Amino acid sequence: MEIKTVKFGWRVYLASSLRKITEVTGVNSKIDENTHGLMWDFDDVPLHVVIESLEFVQNAFNLPPIIILQTKELGYHAYCFRASTFIEARGIIAFTPNVDKNFLAIGIGRGYFTLRFTDVPGREFKSIMTLPSDVEADLDYKDFSSFVKYTKAVQ
């Protein structure tokens, strides 16, 4: 069990570690009561493995293009503008090899997924590529209008 106190931009853990934190904004998968967009988080996974994992799930579920962003060294986020129910989104994300298990578990527990949307000092987003598809997207980035602010430890 972790006990923490957030005060003046620092996070103090009972286990006596001290980390600088910053406030970030996350975007949620939930578009409306019945619709979710697809998003993935990969931590400590090489880019070629992320691409293979996403191509696998894109082919398995006949998905539209998937956008890949680098969030840190060996850290990636991916987005697909396909409208899905939460059950469908959960199944597709869970079926994806190498997806971050904590991301999956937290999303399943809350009923929606969240990815950091704003940069963290030293961990700015970098556009990597878009996996092409003949399937057209049925959502647009403007459809994502649910955001949350939270604190994130800075390395």
C-alpha atoms as a PDB file:
ATOM      1  CA  MET A   1       0.000   0.000   0.000  1.00  0.00           C
ATOM      2  CA  GLU A   2       1.321   3.409  -0.966  1.00  0.00           C
ATOM      3  CA  ILE A   3       0.529   6.461   1.125  1.00  0.00           C
ATOM      4  CA  LYS A   4       1.361   9.768  -0.476  1.00  0.00           C
ATOM      5  CA  THR A   5       0.928  13.458   0.117  1.00  0.00           C
ATOM      6  CA  VAL A   6       1.012  16.010  -2.689  1.00  0.00           C
ATOM      7  CA  LYS A   7       2.138  19.452  -1.615  1.00  0.00           C
ATOM      8  CA  PHE A   8       3.838  22.319  -3.452  1.00  0.00           C
ATOM      9  CA  GLY A   9       4.704  20.336  -6.582  1.00  0.00           C
ATOM     10  CA  TRP A  10       6.359  17.397  -4.789  1.00  0.00           C
ATOM     11  CA  ARG A  11       5.099  13.898  -4.043  1.00  0.00           C
ATOM     12  CA  VAL A  12       6.246  12.349  -0.767  1.00  0.00           C
ATOM     13  CA  TYR A  13       5.856   8.600  -0.298  1.00  0.00           C
ATOM     14  CA  LEU A  14       5.742   6.861   3.041  1.00  0.00           C
ATOM     15  CA  ALA A  15       8.627   4.719   1.785  1.00  0.00           C
ATOM     16  CA  SER A  16      10.682   7.943   2.035  1.00  0.00           C
ATOM     17  CA  SER A  17      11.165   8.613  -1.671  1.00  0.00           C
ATOM     18  CA  LEU A  18      10.829  12.141  -2.933  1.00  0.00           C
ATOM     19  CA  ARG A  19       9.805  12.955  -6.502  1.00  0.00           C
ATOM     20  CA  LYS A  20       9.054  16.163  -8.321  1.00  0.00           C
ATOM     21  CA  ILE A  21       5.579  16.139  -9.847  1.00  0.00           C
ATOM     22  CA  THR A  22       3.788  18.163 -12.464  1.00  0.00           C
ATOM     23  CA  GLU A  23       0.135  18.501 -13.374  1.00  0.00           C
ATOM     24  CA  VAL A  24      -0.816  17.037 -16.754  1.00  0.00           C
ATOM     25  CA  THR A  25      -3.994  16.614 -18.758  1.00  0.00           C
ATOM     26  CA  GLY A  26      -5.207  13.238 -19.944  1.00  0.00           C
ATOM     27  CA  VAL A  27      -7.693  12.497 -22.701  1.00  0.00           C
ATOM     28  CA  ASN A  28     -10.364   9.882 -22.020  1.00  0.00           C
ATOM     29  CA  SER A  29     -11.587   7.222 -24.456  1.00  0.00           C
ATOM     30  CA  LYS A  30     -15.230   7.898 -23.602  1.00  0.00           C
ATOM     31  CA  ILE A  31     -16.961   9.917 -26.336  1.00  0.00           C
ATOM     32  CA  ASP A  32     -20.508   9.531 -24.979  1.00  0.00           C
ATOM     33  CA  GLU A  33     -22.459   6.995 -22.896  1.00  0.00           C
ATOM     34  CA  ASN A  34     -22.175   4.272 -25.553  1.00  0.00           C
ATOM     35  CA  THR A  35     -19.086   5.216 -27.573  1.00  0.00           C
ATOM     36  CA  HIS A  36     -15.342   4.957 -26.954  1.00  0.00           C
ATOM     37  CA  GLY A  37     -12.324   5.610 -29.133  1.00  0.00           C
ATOM     38  CA  LEU A  38      -9.418   3.196 -29.117  1.00  0.00           C
ATOM     39  CA  MET A  39      -6.153   4.013 -27.359  1.00  0.00           C
ATOM     40  CA  TRP A  40      -3.123   2.033 -26.245  1.00  0.00           C
ATOM     41  CA  ASP A  41      -0.196   2.569 -23.872  1.00  0.00           C
ATOM     42  CA  PHE A  42       3.103   0.714 -24.267  1.00  0.00           C
ATOM     43  CA  ASP A  43       5.860   1.023 -21.656  1.00  0.00           C
ATOM     44  CA  ASP A  44       9.359  -0.457 -21.957  1.00  0.00           C
ATOM     45  CA  VAL A  45       8.598  -1.859 -25.416  1.00  0.00           C
ATOM     46  CA  PRO A  46      10.826  -1.259 -28.484  1.00  0.00           C
ATOM     47  CA  LEU A  47       9.182   0.575 -31.382  1.00  0.00           C
ATOM     48  CA  HIS A  48       9.334  -2.370 -33.790  1.00  0.00           C
ATOM     49  CA  VAL A  49       7.428  -4.500 -31.265  1.00  0.00           C
ATOM     50  CA  VAL A  50       4.812  -1.739 -30.795  1.00  0.00           C
ATOM     51  CA  ILE A  51       4.330  -1.580 -34.571  1.00  0.00           C
ATOM     52  CA  GLU A  52       4.034  -5.379 -34.871  1.00  0.00           C
ATOM     53  CA  SER A  53       1.542  -5.481 -31.976  1.00  0.00           C
ATOM     54  CA  LEU A  54      -0.634  -2.745 -33.451  1.00  0.00           C
ATOM     55  CA  GLU A  55      -0.493  -4.177 -36.975  1.00  0.00           C
ATOM     56  CA  PHE A  56      -1.595  -7.533 -35.541  1.00  0.00           C
ATOM     57  CA  VAL A  57      -4.642  -6.065 -33.789  1.00  0.00           C
ATOM     58  CA  GLN A  58      -5.402  -3.726 -36.727  1.00  0.00           C
ATOM     59  CA  ASN A  59      -5.594  -6.728 -39.067  1.00  0.00           C
ATOM     60  CA  ALA A  60      -7.491  -8.900 -36.576  1.00  0.00           C
ATOM     61  CA  PHE A  61     -10.244  -6.301 -36.058  1.00  0.00           C
ATOM     62  CA  ASN A  62     -10.153  -4.529 -39.447  1.00  0.00           C
ATOM     63  CA  LEU A  63      -9.314  -1.178 -37.829  1.00  0.00           C
ATOM     64  CA  PRO A  64      -8.824   2.223 -39.476  1.00  0.00           C
ATOM     65  CA  PRO A  65      -5.398   3.945 -39.373  1.00  0.00           C
ATOM     66  CA  ILE A  66      -3.583   3.931 -36.024  1.00  0.00           C
ATOM     67  CA  ILE A  67      -1.473   6.929 -34.954  1.00  0.00           C
ATOM     68  CA  ILE A  68       1.680   6.179 -32.913  1.00  0.00           C
ATOM     69  CA  LEU A  69       3.337   8.786 -30.666  1.00  0.00           C
ATOM     70  CA  GLN A  70       6.505   8.390 -28.620  1.00  0.00           C
ATOM     71  CA  THR A  71       6.136   9.576 -25.019  1.00  0.00           C
ATOM     72  CA  LYS A  72       9.589   8.650 -23.692  1.00  0.00           C
ATOM     73  CA  GLU A  73      12.376   6.243 -24.509  1.00  0.00           C
ATOM     74  CA  LEU A  74      10.611   2.892 -25.030  1.00  0.00           C
ATOM     75  CA  GLY A  75       7.237   4.505 -24.266  1.00  0.00           C
ATOM     76  CA  TYR A  76       4.450   4.896 -26.838  1.00  0.00           C
ATOM     77  CA  HIS A  77       0.804   5.888 -27.089  1.00  0.00           C
ATOM     78  CA  ALA A  78      -1.437   4.936 -29.984  1.00  0.00           C
ATOM     79  CA  TYR A  79      -4.858   6.171 -31.090  1.00  0.00           C
ATOM     80  CA  CYS A  80      -7.412   4.779 -33.533  1.00  0.00           C
ATOM     81  CA  PHE A  81     -10.513   6.773 -34.461  1.00  0.00           C
ATOM     82  CA  ARG A  82     -12.937   3.869 -34.487  1.00  0.00           C
ATOM     83  CA  ALA A  83     -16.209   4.144 -32.591  1.00  0.00           C
ATOM     84  CA  SER A  84     -16.607   1.174 -30.252  1.00  0.00           C
ATOM     85  CA  THR A  85     -18.630   0.226 -27.221  1.00  0.00           C
ATOM     86  CA  PHE A  86     -16.598  -0.055 -24.036  1.00  0.00           C
ATOM     87  CA  ILE A  87     -16.852  -3.854 -24.209  1.00  0.00           C
ATOM     88  CA  GLU A  88     -15.449  -3.811 -27.775  1.00  0.00           C
ATOM     89  CA  ALA A  89     -12.700  -1.320 -26.885  1.00  0.00           C
ATOM     90  CA  ARG A  90     -11.735  -3.350 -23.822  1.00  0.00           C
ATOM     91  CA  GLY A  91     -11.559  -6.542 -25.882  1.00  0.00           C
ATOM     92  CA  ILE A  92      -9.476  -4.986 -28.658  1.00  0.00           C
ATOM     93  CA  ILE A  93      -7.022  -3.391 -26.237  1.00  0.00           C
ATOM     94  CA  ALA A  94      -6.757  -6.580 -24.152  1.00  0.00           C
ATOM     95  CA  PHE A  95      -6.129  -8.606 -27.328  1.00  0.00           C
ATOM     96  CA  THR A  96      -3.181  -6.359 -28.251  1.00  0.00           C
ATOM     97  CA  PRO A  97       0.173  -7.998 -27.491  1.00  0.00           C
ATOM     98  CA  ASN A  98       2.548  -6.017 -25.239  1.00  0.00           C
ATOM     99  CA  VAL A  99       0.012  -3.382 -24.165  1.00  0.00           C
ATOM    100  CA  ASP A 100       0.722  -1.997 -20.687  1.00  0.00           C
ATOM    101  CA  LYS A 101      -1.175  -4.207 -18.232  1.00  0.00           C
ATOM    102  CA  ASN A 102      -1.607  -1.409 -15.668  1.00  0.00           C
ATOM    103  CA  PHE A 103      -3.172   0.832 -18.338  1.00  0.00           C
ATOM    104  CA  LEU A 104      -5.540  -2.004 -19.251  1.00  0.00           C
ATOM    105  CA  ALA A 105      -6.454  -2.844 -15.644  1.00  0.00           C
ATOM    106  CA  ILE A 106      -7.081   0.782 -14.632  1.00  0.00           C
ATOM    107  CA  GLY A 107      -9.189   1.395 -17.738  1.00  0.00           C
ATOM    108  CA  ILE A 108     -11.281  -1.711 -17.156  1.00  0.00           C
ATOM    109  CA  GLY A 109     -11.781  -0.737 -13.519  1.00  0.00           C
ATOM    110  CA  ARG A 110     -12.935   2.797 -14.375  1.00  0.00           C
ATOM    111  CA  GLY A 111     -14.949   1.956 -17.481  1.00  0.00           C
ATOM    112  CA  TYR A 112     -12.847   4.156 -19.789  1.00  0.00           C
ATOM    113  CA  PHE A 113      -9.199   4.572 -20.757  1.00  0.00           C
ATOM    114  CA  THR A 114      -7.014   7.664 -20.274  1.00  0.00           C
ATOM    115  CA  LEU A 115      -3.730   8.704 -21.858  1.00  0.00           C
ATOM    116  CA  ARG A 116      -1.586  11.705 -21.013  1.00  0.00           C
ATOM    117  CA  PHE A 117      -2.310  14.475 -23.521  1.00  0.00           C
ATOM    118  CA  THR A 118       0.129  17.166 -22.410  1.00  0.00           C
ATOM    119  CA  ASP A 119       3.921  17.075 -22.402  1.00  0.00           C
ATOM    120  CA  VAL A 120       5.990  16.426 -19.304  1.00  0.00           C
ATOM    121  CA  PRO A 121       9.401  18.154 -19.124  1.00  0.00           C
ATOM    122  CA  GLY A 122      11.931  15.821 -20.696  1.00  0.00           C
ATOM    123  CA  ARG A 123       9.167  13.573 -22.036  1.00  0.00           C
ATOM    124  CA  GLU A 124       7.647  15.560 -24.863  1.00  0.00           C
ATOM    125  CA  PHE A 125       5.500  13.793 -27.444  1.00  0.00           C
ATOM    126  CA  LYS A 126       7.028  12.891 -30.781  1.00  0.00           C
ATOM    127  CA  SER A 127       4.934  11.799 -33.741  1.00  0.00           C
ATOM    128  CA  ILE A 128       6.293   8.468 -35.008  1.00  0.00           C
ATOM    129  CA  MET A 129       3.974   7.244 -37.741  1.00  0.00           C
ATOM    130  CA  THR A 130       0.469   6.295 -38.802  1.00  0.00           C
ATOM    131  CA  LEU A 131      -0.254   2.686 -39.648  1.00  0.00           C
ATOM    132  CA  PRO A 132      -2.258   2.895 -42.892  1.00  0.00           C
ATOM    133  CA  SER A 133      -5.565   1.146 -43.468  1.00  0.00           C
ATOM    134  CA  ASP A 134      -8.207   0.943 -46.193  1.00  0.00           C
ATOM    135  CA  VAL A 135     -10.850   1.196 -43.467  1.00  0.00           C
ATOM    136  CA  GLU A 136     -12.173   4.716 -42.894  1.00  0.00           C
ATOM    137  CA  ALA A 137     -12.232   6.211 -39.404  1.00  0.00           C
ATOM    138  CA  ASP A 138     -15.685   6.919 -38.000  1.00  0.00           C
ATOM    139  CA  LEU A 139     -14.450   9.319 -35.303  1.00  0.00           C
ATOM    140  CA  ASP A 140     -12.391  12.497 -35.476  1.00  0.00           C
ATOM    141  CA  TYR A 141      -9.959  13.905 -32.908  1.00  0.00           C
ATOM    142  CA  LYS A 142     -12.584  16.593 -32.201  1.00  0.00           C
ATOM    143  CA  ASP A 143     -14.921  13.885 -30.885  1.00  0.00           C
ATOM    144  CA  PHE A 144     -12.602  13.366 -27.903  1.00  0.00           C
ATOM    145  CA  SER A 145     -13.874  15.998 -25.495  1.00  0.00           C
ATOM    146  CA  SER A 146     -13.464  14.338 -22.099  1.00  0.00           C
ATOM    147  CA  PHE A 147     -10.267  15.345 -20.288  1.00  0.00           C
ATOM    148  CA  VAL A 148      -8.913  14.947 -16.775  1.00  0.00           C
ATOM    149  CA  LYS A 149      -6.120  16.701 -14.863  1.00  0.00           C
ATOM    150  CA  TYR A 150      -3.804  14.628 -12.679  1.00  0.00           C
ATOM    151  CA  THR A 151      -0.289  14.698 -11.273  1.00  0.00           C
ATOM    152  CA  LYS A 152       2.626  12.831 -12.831  1.00  0.00           C
ATOM    153  CA  ALA A 153       6.084  12.207 -11.417  1.00  0.00           C
ATOM    154  CA  VAL A 154       8.866  13.922 -13.377  1.00  0.00           C
ATOM    155  CA  GLN A 155      12.099  11.969 -13.899  1.00  0.00           C
END
